């Protein structure tokens, strides 16, 4: 897990790959100023997370911008995840899960401003926050999860690291999917976004 903490300093070397899923459903997300980054996942994104990503992209294309300081923070989200798992883990496994939590939060803080906002969102207050882990929403976290394998590309070149991280990442994806379903996030998603500019709304009417 210490490797995960160290690797967050190497995110500038992110490489291109492709999203692949068992049912061949593809999603391409542009979150950088230059070009689209794809991800070749060694794990699958749950269907409801894919749905959130698609609606997220559509809202941004309509002129909306993701909000911060709404709903549970990423730090609270990860703490709840670790706590839910710790009841069934021994002390050593709990220690590893704590390191995993720290590594994920450190990574999120590093990549947020550059890789987790659409270009049109970068003029909004959400791009200038001081503590991403404490101020970002589940929408930003889901964007992060969709790119996690790309962020960890170099780390995953080592089979031992891949083996070590595969289970906690799969567990985090599954747990996040359950929370998305419980919170009815797909229906409530608009509360995590600003309203589109008036000009955008008028343009659609005319």
C-alpha atoms as a PDB file:
ATOM      1  CA  UNK A   1       0.000   0.000   0.000  1.00  0.00           C
ATOM      2  CA  UNK A   2       2.986   2.313   0.485  1.00  0.00           C
ATOM      3  CA  UNK A   3       3.571   2.052  -3.257  1.00  0.00           C
ATOM      4  CA  UNK A   4       0.117   3.511  -3.840  1.00  0.00           C
ATOM      5  CA  UNK A   5       1.009   6.558  -1.750  1.00  0.00           C
ATOM      6  CA  UNK A   6       4.283   7.045  -3.620  1.00  0.00           C
ATOM      7  CA  UNK A   7       2.735   6.558  -7.028  1.00  0.00           C
ATOM      8  CA  UNK A   8       0.418   9.565  -6.623  1.00  0.00           C
ATOM      9  CA  UNK A   9       3.454  11.756  -7.321  1.00  0.00           C
ATOM     10  CA  UNK A  10       3.881  10.174 -10.750  1.00  0.00           C
ATOM     11  CA  UNK A  11       0.509  10.982 -12.299  1.00  0.00           C
ATOM     12  CA  UNK A  12       2.030  13.289 -14.911  1.00  0.00           C
ATOM     13  CA  UNK A  13       3.012  10.181 -16.861  1.00  0.00           C
ATOM     14  CA  UNK A  14      -0.515   8.980 -17.471  1.00  0.00           C
ATOM     15  CA  UNK A  15      -0.769   7.086 -20.763  1.00  0.00           C
ATOM     16  CA  UNK A  16      -3.587   6.467 -23.197  1.00  0.00           C
ATOM     17  CA  UNK A  17      -5.588   3.232 -23.160  1.00  0.00           C
ATOM     18  CA  UNK A  18      -9.207   2.203 -23.784  1.00  0.00           C
ATOM     19  CA  UNK A  19     -12.318   1.474 -21.772  1.00  0.00           C
ATOM     20  CA  UNK A  20     -13.383  -2.121 -22.182  1.00  0.00           C
ATOM     21  CA  UNK A  21     -16.310  -3.849 -20.509  1.00  0.00           C
ATOM     22  CA  UNK A  22     -17.632  -7.383 -20.708  1.00  0.00           C
ATOM     23  CA  UNK A  23     -20.770  -6.388 -22.586  1.00  0.00           C
ATOM     24  CA  UNK A  24     -18.727  -4.198 -24.987  1.00  0.00           C
ATOM     25  CA  UNK A  25     -20.354  -0.997 -23.811  1.00  0.00           C
ATOM     26  CA  UNK A  26     -17.894   1.854 -24.287  1.00  0.00           C
ATOM     27  CA  UNK A  27     -17.707   5.285 -22.742  1.00  0.00           C
ATOM     28  CA  UNK A  28     -15.318   8.049 -23.704  1.00  0.00           C
ATOM     29  CA  UNK A  29     -14.937  10.933 -21.256  1.00  0.00           C
ATOM     30  CA  UNK A  30     -13.106  14.156 -22.046  1.00  0.00           C
ATOM     31  CA  UNK A  31     -11.826  15.628 -18.813  1.00  0.00           C
ATOM     32  CA  UNK A  32      -8.605  17.228 -20.024  1.00  0.00           C
ATOM     33  CA  UNK A  33      -7.890  20.358 -22.018  1.00  0.00           C
ATOM     34  CA  UNK A  34      -6.039  18.479 -24.750  1.00  0.00           C
ATOM     35  CA  UNK A  35      -7.488  15.112 -25.638  1.00  0.00           C
ATOM     36  CA  UNK A  36      -9.580  12.249 -24.440  1.00  0.00           C
ATOM     37  CA  UNK A  37      -7.989   9.765 -22.090  1.00  0.00           C
ATOM     38  CA  UNK A  38      -9.245   6.211 -22.267  1.00  0.00           C
ATOM     39  CA  UNK A  39      -8.817   3.436 -19.768  1.00  0.00           C
ATOM     40  CA  UNK A  40      -8.233  -0.272 -20.222  1.00  0.00           C
ATOM     41  CA  UNK A  41      -9.664  -1.623 -17.023  1.00  0.00           C
ATOM     42  CA  UNK A  42      -8.572  -4.831 -15.367  1.00  0.00           C
ATOM     43  CA  UNK A  43     -11.821  -4.508 -13.419  1.00  0.00           C
ATOM     44  CA  UNK A  44     -15.334  -3.658 -14.584  1.00  0.00           C
ATOM     45  CA  UNK A  45     -17.249  -0.493 -13.869  1.00  0.00           C
ATOM     46  CA  UNK A  46     -20.720  -1.378 -12.548  1.00  0.00           C
ATOM     47  CA  UNK A  47     -23.560  -0.492 -14.900  1.00  0.00           C
ATOM     48  CA  UNK A  48     -25.058   2.162 -12.633  1.00  0.00           C
ATOM     49  CA  UNK A  49     -21.703   3.947 -12.383  1.00  0.00           C
ATOM     50  CA  UNK A  50     -21.481   3.970 -16.184  1.00  0.00           C
ATOM     51  CA  UNK A  51     -24.979   5.479 -16.229  1.00  0.00           C
ATOM     52  CA  UNK A  52     -23.902   8.228 -13.820  1.00  0.00           C
ATOM     53  CA  UNK A  53     -20.880   9.034 -15.988  1.00  0.00           C
ATOM     54  CA  UNK A  54     -23.054   9.326 -19.077  1.00  0.00           C
ATOM     55  CA  UNK A  55     -25.566  11.624 -17.373  1.00  0.00           C
ATOM     56  CA  UNK A  56     -22.701  13.624 -15.893  1.00  0.00           C
ATOM     57  CA  UNK A  57     -21.276  14.218 -19.357  1.00  0.00           C
ATOM     58  CA  UNK A  58     -24.674  15.182 -20.803  1.00  0.00           C
ATOM     59  CA  UNK A  59     -25.275  17.724 -18.034  1.00  0.00           C
ATOM     60  CA  UNK A  60     -21.894  19.333 -18.644  1.00  0.00           C
ATOM     61  CA  UNK A  61     -22.574  19.426 -22.377  1.00  0.00           C
ATOM     62  CA  UNK A  62     -25.837  21.239 -21.561  1.00  0.00           C
ATOM     63  CA  UNK A  63     -23.838  23.954 -19.790  1.00  0.00           C
ATOM     64  CA  UNK A  64     -24.062  22.718 -16.203  1.00  0.00           C
ATOM     65  CA  UNK A  65     -21.042  22.523 -13.898  1.00  0.00           C
ATOM     66  CA  UNK A  66     -20.399  20.092 -11.063  1.00  0.00           C
ATOM     67  CA  UNK A  67     -20.782  21.506  -7.558  1.00  0.00           C
ATOM     68  CA  UNK A  68     -18.569  21.127  -4.518  1.00  0.00           C
ATOM     69  CA  UNK A  69     -19.589  21.063  -0.856  1.00  0.00           C
ATOM     70  CA  UNK A  70     -22.721  19.048  -1.599  1.00  0.00           C
ATOM     71  CA  UNK A  71     -23.411  15.637  -0.114  1.00  0.00           C
ATOM     72  CA  UNK A  72     -20.791  13.492   1.652  1.00  0.00           C
ATOM     73  CA  UNK A  73     -17.187  14.478   0.963  1.00  0.00           C
ATOM     74  CA  UNK A  74     -14.717  12.039  -0.574  1.00  0.00           C
ATOM     75  CA  UNK A  75     -12.959  11.724   2.796  1.00  0.00           C
ATOM     76  CA  UNK A  76     -16.272  10.829   4.466  1.00  0.00           C
ATOM     77  CA  UNK A  77     -17.104   8.446   1.646  1.00  0.00           C
ATOM     78  CA  UNK A  78     -13.793   6.593   1.928  1.00  0.00           C
ATOM     79  CA  UNK A  79     -14.022   6.493   5.707  1.00  0.00           C
ATOM     80  CA  UNK A  80     -17.470   4.914   5.466  1.00  0.00           C
ATOM     81  CA  UNK A  81     -16.108   2.368   2.988  1.00  0.00           C
ATOM     82  CA  UNK A  82     -13.194   1.396   5.237  1.00  0.00           C
ATOM     83  CA  UNK A  83     -15.417   1.244   8.320  1.00  0.00           C
ATOM     84  CA  UNK A  84     -17.908  -1.022   6.572  1.00  0.00           C
ATOM     85  CA  UNK A  85     -15.116  -3.440   5.684  1.00  0.00           C
ATOM     86  CA  UNK A  86     -13.138  -3.292   8.934  1.00  0.00           C
ATOM     87  CA  UNK A  87     -15.692  -5.303  10.908  1.00  0.00           C
ATOM     88  CA  UNK A  88     -14.806  -8.452   9.004  1.00  0.00           C
ATOM     89  CA  UNK A  89     -11.037  -7.896   8.796  1.00  0.00           C
ATOM     90  CA  UNK A  90      -8.206  -8.850  11.125  1.00  0.00           C
ATOM     91  CA  UNK A  91      -5.873  -6.186  12.529  1.00  0.00           C
ATOM     92  CA  UNK A  92      -3.276  -6.643   9.786  1.00  0.00           C
ATOM     93  CA  UNK A  93      -5.896  -6.436   7.025  1.00  0.00           C
ATOM     94  CA  UNK A  94      -7.384  -3.363   8.678  1.00  0.00           C
ATOM     95  CA  UNK A  95      -3.975  -1.723   8.588  1.00  0.00           C
ATOM     96  CA  UNK A  96      -3.694  -2.431   4.855  1.00  0.00           C
ATOM     97  CA  UNK A  97      -7.180  -1.029   4.284  1.00  0.00           C
ATOM     98  CA  UNK A  98      -6.203   2.172   6.108  1.00  0.00           C
ATOM     99  CA  UNK A  99      -3.189   2.531   3.815  1.00  0.00           C
ATOM    100  CA  UNK A 100      -5.425   1.955   0.804  1.00  0.00           C
ATOM    101  CA  UNK A 101      -7.768   4.702   2.008  1.00  0.00           C
ATOM    102  CA  UNK A 102      -4.868   7.127   2.507  1.00  0.00           C
ATOM    103  CA  UNK A 103      -3.473   6.305  -0.924  1.00  0.00           C
ATOM    104  CA  UNK A 104      -6.800   6.838  -2.692  1.00  0.00           C
ATOM    105  CA  UNK A 105      -7.344  10.186  -0.957  1.00  0.00           C
ATOM    106  CA  UNK A 106      -3.798  11.331  -1.743  1.00  0.00           C
ATOM    107  CA  UNK A 107      -4.263  10.382  -5.379  1.00  0.00           C
ATOM    108  CA  UNK A 108      -7.594  12.165  -5.558  1.00  0.00           C
ATOM    109  CA  UNK A 109      -6.094  15.390  -4.190  1.00  0.00           C
ATOM    110  CA  UNK A 110      -3.277  15.269  -6.751  1.00  0.00           C
ATOM    111  CA  UNK A 111      -5.292  14.540  -9.897  1.00  0.00           C
ATOM    112  CA  UNK A 112      -8.490  16.459  -9.154  1.00  0.00           C
ATOM    113  CA  UNK A 113      -7.762  19.872 -10.649  1.00  0.00           C
ATOM    114  CA  UNK A 114      -6.071  18.594 -13.790  1.00  0.00           C
ATOM    115  CA  UNK A 115      -7.949  15.429 -14.666  1.00  0.00           C
ATOM    116  CA  UNK A 116     -11.372  15.400 -12.985  1.00  0.00           C
ATOM    117  CA  UNK A 117     -12.927  18.593 -14.327  1.00  0.00           C
ATOM    118  CA  UNK A 118     -14.215  19.230 -17.816  1.00  0.00           C
ATOM    119  CA  UNK A 119     -12.625  22.262 -19.519  1.00  0.00           C
ATOM    120  CA  UNK A 120     -15.905  24.194 -19.266  1.00  0.00           C
ATOM    121  CA  UNK A 121     -15.962  23.671 -15.496  1.00  0.00           C
ATOM    122  CA  UNK A 122     -12.571  25.202 -14.793  1.00  0.00           C
ATOM    123  CA  UNK A 123     -13.869  28.752 -14.443  1.00  0.00           C
ATOM    124  CA  UNK A 124     -16.175  27.789 -11.593  1.00  0.00           C
ATOM    125  CA  UNK A 125     -15.416  27.903  -7.870  1.00  0.00           C
ATOM    126  CA  UNK A 126     -15.102  24.125  -7.768  1.00  0.00           C
ATOM    127  CA  UNK A 127     -11.787  24.417  -9.608  1.00  0.00           C
ATOM    128  CA  UNK A 128     -10.228  26.572  -6.881  1.00  0.00           C
ATOM    129  CA  UNK A 129     -10.914  24.538  -3.761  1.00  0.00           C
ATOM    130  CA  UNK A 130      -8.155  23.972  -1.213  1.00  0.00           C
ATOM    131  CA  UNK A 131      -8.972  20.437  -0.106  1.00  0.00           C
ATOM    132  CA  UNK A 132     -10.521  18.268  -2.841  1.00  0.00           C
ATOM    133  CA  UNK A 133     -11.017  15.286  -0.540  1.00  0.00           C
ATOM    134  CA  UNK A 134     -13.046  17.415   1.882  1.00  0.00           C
ATOM    135  CA  UNK A 135     -15.028  19.471  -0.619  1.00  0.00           C
ATOM    136  CA  UNK A 136     -15.679  17.353  -3.704  1.00  0.00           C
ATOM    137  CA  UNK A 137     -18.810  15.306  -4.290  1.00  0.00           C
ATOM    138  CA  UNK A 138     -19.538  11.728  -5.257  1.00  0.00           C
ATOM    139  CA  UNK A 139     -19.745  12.889  -8.896  1.00  0.00           C
ATOM    140  CA  UNK A 140     -16.055  13.805  -8.858  1.00  0.00           C
ATOM    141  CA  UNK A 141     -15.249  10.543  -7.101  1.00  0.00           C
ATOM    142  CA  UNK A 142     -17.033   8.510  -9.770  1.00  0.00           C
ATOM    143  CA  UNK A 143     -15.042  10.362 -12.437  1.00  0.00           C
ATOM    144  CA  UNK A 144     -11.932   9.437 -10.463  1.00  0.00           C
ATOM    145  CA  UNK A 145     -12.892   5.763 -10.297  1.00  0.00           C
ATOM    146  CA  UNK A 146     -13.456   5.666 -14.056  1.00  0.00           C
ATOM    147  CA  UNK A 147      -9.828   6.727 -14.570  1.00  0.00           C
ATOM    148  CA  UNK A 148      -8.220   4.901 -11.673  1.00  0.00           C
ATOM    149  CA  UNK A 149      -6.540   2.213 -13.742  1.00  0.00           C
ATOM    150  CA  UNK A 150      -5.007   4.862 -15.990  1.00  0.00           C
ATOM    151  CA  UNK A 151      -3.701   6.763 -12.968  1.00  0.00           C
ATOM    152  CA  UNK A 152      -2.165   3.557 -11.613  1.00  0.00           C
ATOM    153  CA  UNK A 153      -0.853   2.380 -14.973  1.00  0.00           C
ATOM    154  CA  UNK A 154       2.828   2.369 -14.021  1.00  0.00           C
ATOM    155  CA  UNK A 155       2.130   0.833 -10.635  1.00  0.00           C
ATOM    156  CA  UNK A 156       0.163  -1.968 -12.285  1.00  0.00           C
ATOM    157  CA  UNK A 157       3.168  -2.940 -14.407  1.00  0.00           C
ATOM    158  CA  UNK A 158       4.327  -4.829 -11.333  1.00  0.00           C
ATOM    159  CA  UNK A 159       2.165  -7.992 -11.000  1.00  0.00           C
ATOM    160  CA  UNK A 160       2.597  -7.942  -7.220  1.00  0.00           C
ATOM    161  CA  UNK A 161       1.100  -4.452  -7.000  1.00  0.00           C
ATOM    162  CA  UNK A 162      -1.732  -5.421  -9.305  1.00  0.00           C
ATOM    163  CA  UNK A 163      -2.486  -8.455  -7.167  1.00  0.00           C
ATOM    164  CA  UNK A 164      -2.332  -6.385  -3.974  1.00  0.00           C
ATOM    165  CA  UNK A 165      -4.686  -3.659  -5.241  1.00  0.00           C
ATOM    166  CA  UNK A 166      -7.101  -5.680  -7.340  1.00  0.00           C
ATOM    167  CA  UNK A 167      -9.289  -6.841  -4.452  1.00  0.00           C
ATOM    168  CA  UNK A 168      -9.638  -3.510  -2.573  1.00  0.00           C
ATOM    169  CA  UNK A 169     -10.341  -1.629  -5.825  1.00  0.00           C
ATOM    170  CA  UNK A 170     -12.979  -4.167  -6.863  1.00  0.00           C
ATOM    171  CA  UNK A 171     -14.475  -3.938  -3.386  1.00  0.00           C
ATOM    172  CA  UNK A 172     -14.529  -0.129  -3.561  1.00  0.00           C
ATOM    173  CA  UNK A 173     -16.270  -0.208  -6.951  1.00  0.00           C
ATOM    174  CA  UNK A 174     -18.879  -2.648  -5.693  1.00  0.00           C
ATOM    175  CA  UNK A 175     -19.477  -0.657  -2.502  1.00  0.00           C
ATOM    176  CA  UNK A 176     -19.758   2.605  -4.454  1.00  0.00           C
ATOM    177  CA  UNK A 177     -22.254   0.994  -6.813  1.00  0.00           C
ATOM    178  CA  UNK A 178     -24.387  -0.031  -3.838  1.00  0.00           C
ATOM    179  CA  UNK A 179     -24.300   3.499  -2.398  1.00  0.00           C
ATOM    180  CA  UNK A 180     -25.242   4.945  -5.800  1.00  0.00           C
ATOM    181  CA  UNK A 181     -28.254   2.643  -5.900  1.00  0.00           C
ATOM    182  CA  UNK A 182     -29.294   3.312  -2.300  1.00  0.00           C
ATOM    183  CA  UNK A 183     -29.101   7.086  -2.699  1.00  0.00           C
ATOM    184  CA  UNK A 184     -31.011   7.029  -6.004  1.00  0.00           C
ATOM    185  CA  UNK A 185     -28.194   9.149  -7.407  1.00  0.00           C
ATOM    186  CA  UNK A 186     -29.278   8.843 -11.024  1.00  0.00           C
ATOM    187  CA  UNK A 187     -32.602  10.513 -10.201  1.00  0.00           C
ATOM    188  CA  UNK A 188     -31.070  13.077  -7.834  1.00  0.00           C
ATOM    189  CA  UNK A 189     -27.996  13.842  -9.946  1.00  0.00           C
ATOM    190  CA  UNK A 190     -29.009  17.413 -10.863  1.00  0.00           C
ATOM    191  CA  UNK A 191     -28.559  18.592  -7.271  1.00  0.00           C
ATOM    192  CA  UNK A 192     -24.829  18.028  -7.763  1.00  0.00           C
ATOM    193  CA  UNK A 193     -24.694  20.499 -10.667  1.00  0.00           C
ATOM    194  CA  UNK A 194     -25.241  24.186 -11.254  1.00  0.00           C
ATOM    195  CA  UNK A 195     -28.051  25.290 -13.545  1.00  0.00           C
ATOM    196  CA  UNK A 196     -27.014  25.883 -17.166  1.00  0.00           C
ATOM    197  CA  UNK A 197     -26.467  29.530 -18.163  1.00  0.00           C
ATOM    198  CA  UNK A 198     -29.614  31.387 -19.225  1.00  0.00           C
ATOM    199  CA  UNK A 199     -28.296  31.736 -22.787  1.00  0.00           C
ATOM    200  CA  UNK A 200     -27.960  27.957 -23.029  1.00  0.00           C
ATOM    201  CA  UNK A 201     -31.510  27.455 -21.798  1.00  0.00           C
ATOM    202  CA  UNK A 202     -32.937  30.019 -24.239  1.00  0.00           C
ATOM    203  CA  UNK A 203     -31.023  28.514 -27.118  1.00  0.00           C
ATOM    204  CA  UNK A 204     -32.597  25.133 -26.483  1.00  0.00           C
ATOM    205  CA  UNK A 205     -36.105  26.674 -26.378  1.00  0.00           C
ATOM    206  CA  UNK A 206     -35.618  28.556 -29.637  1.00  0.00           C
END
